[in-house]
Amino acid sequence: MENERLKQQIEFIVEIDKLKRVMRQSRIIGDIHDELLWENSAEHSWHFAMLAVILGEYADKTVDIGKVMKMALIHDIVEIDAGDTFAYDQLGHLDKAEREGKAASRIFGLLPDNQRDEMMELWMEFEERETNEAQFAAALDLVQPLLQNYYTQGYSWQKNKVTSDQVLARINAATKNSKTLKNFVEWLIHDAVKKGYLQ
């Protein structure tokens, strides 16, 4: 192929298709008895991006929803190399940043320089959680698996012996740039306990 830029872009697009093979601990909302209904990281990223489209009005501070959607679509690409680290896996989080940093350099490095730099900047911004967009994105990234757990009667919570205290400890992300989502998450957790979905 003569067009080197296009060649690099296609190589990246082919590489990120591997995200469809990275399985998560969350079940797809639906029949909780179907053992095939596990979510992969690509599905999570798509659902997260849709949350940005639908729930964007609940950001307390102005956000660029297009940027939040980009963060949603790229935030887990690193899992192609680093794997998915379960939210409540304390041991897995010890070297998560190092594993994901190496993965980001390799995978985004497949792109032409300007796109590589843009992807790295967006990924780092999301990870650092300092901008309005990154804080709102972090809230949505928290809400998405909570919905899946709630609407599968706590399947993954129960399977992994997750407690309400552990879930509540993670909601700080939802307190930054969305009081509405924070209140919703608190209600959802308390209702899950009441219904027996969560200890």
Foldseek 3Di string as FASTA:
>chain_A
DPPLQVVLVVVLVVLLVLQQVQWDLFFDQDPLVDPVRTHTLQNLLVVLLVCLVVVVVQFQDDDDSVLLNLCSRQQCSLCSFLGDDHPPPPVSVPCSVVSSVVSLCVSLVSHPPVSSVVSVVSNVCLVVCDDSSNLVSLLSSLVSRLVRCLSSLLVSCVVVVPALVSSLVSNPSCVRRGPPSSVVSVVSSVVSVVSVSHD
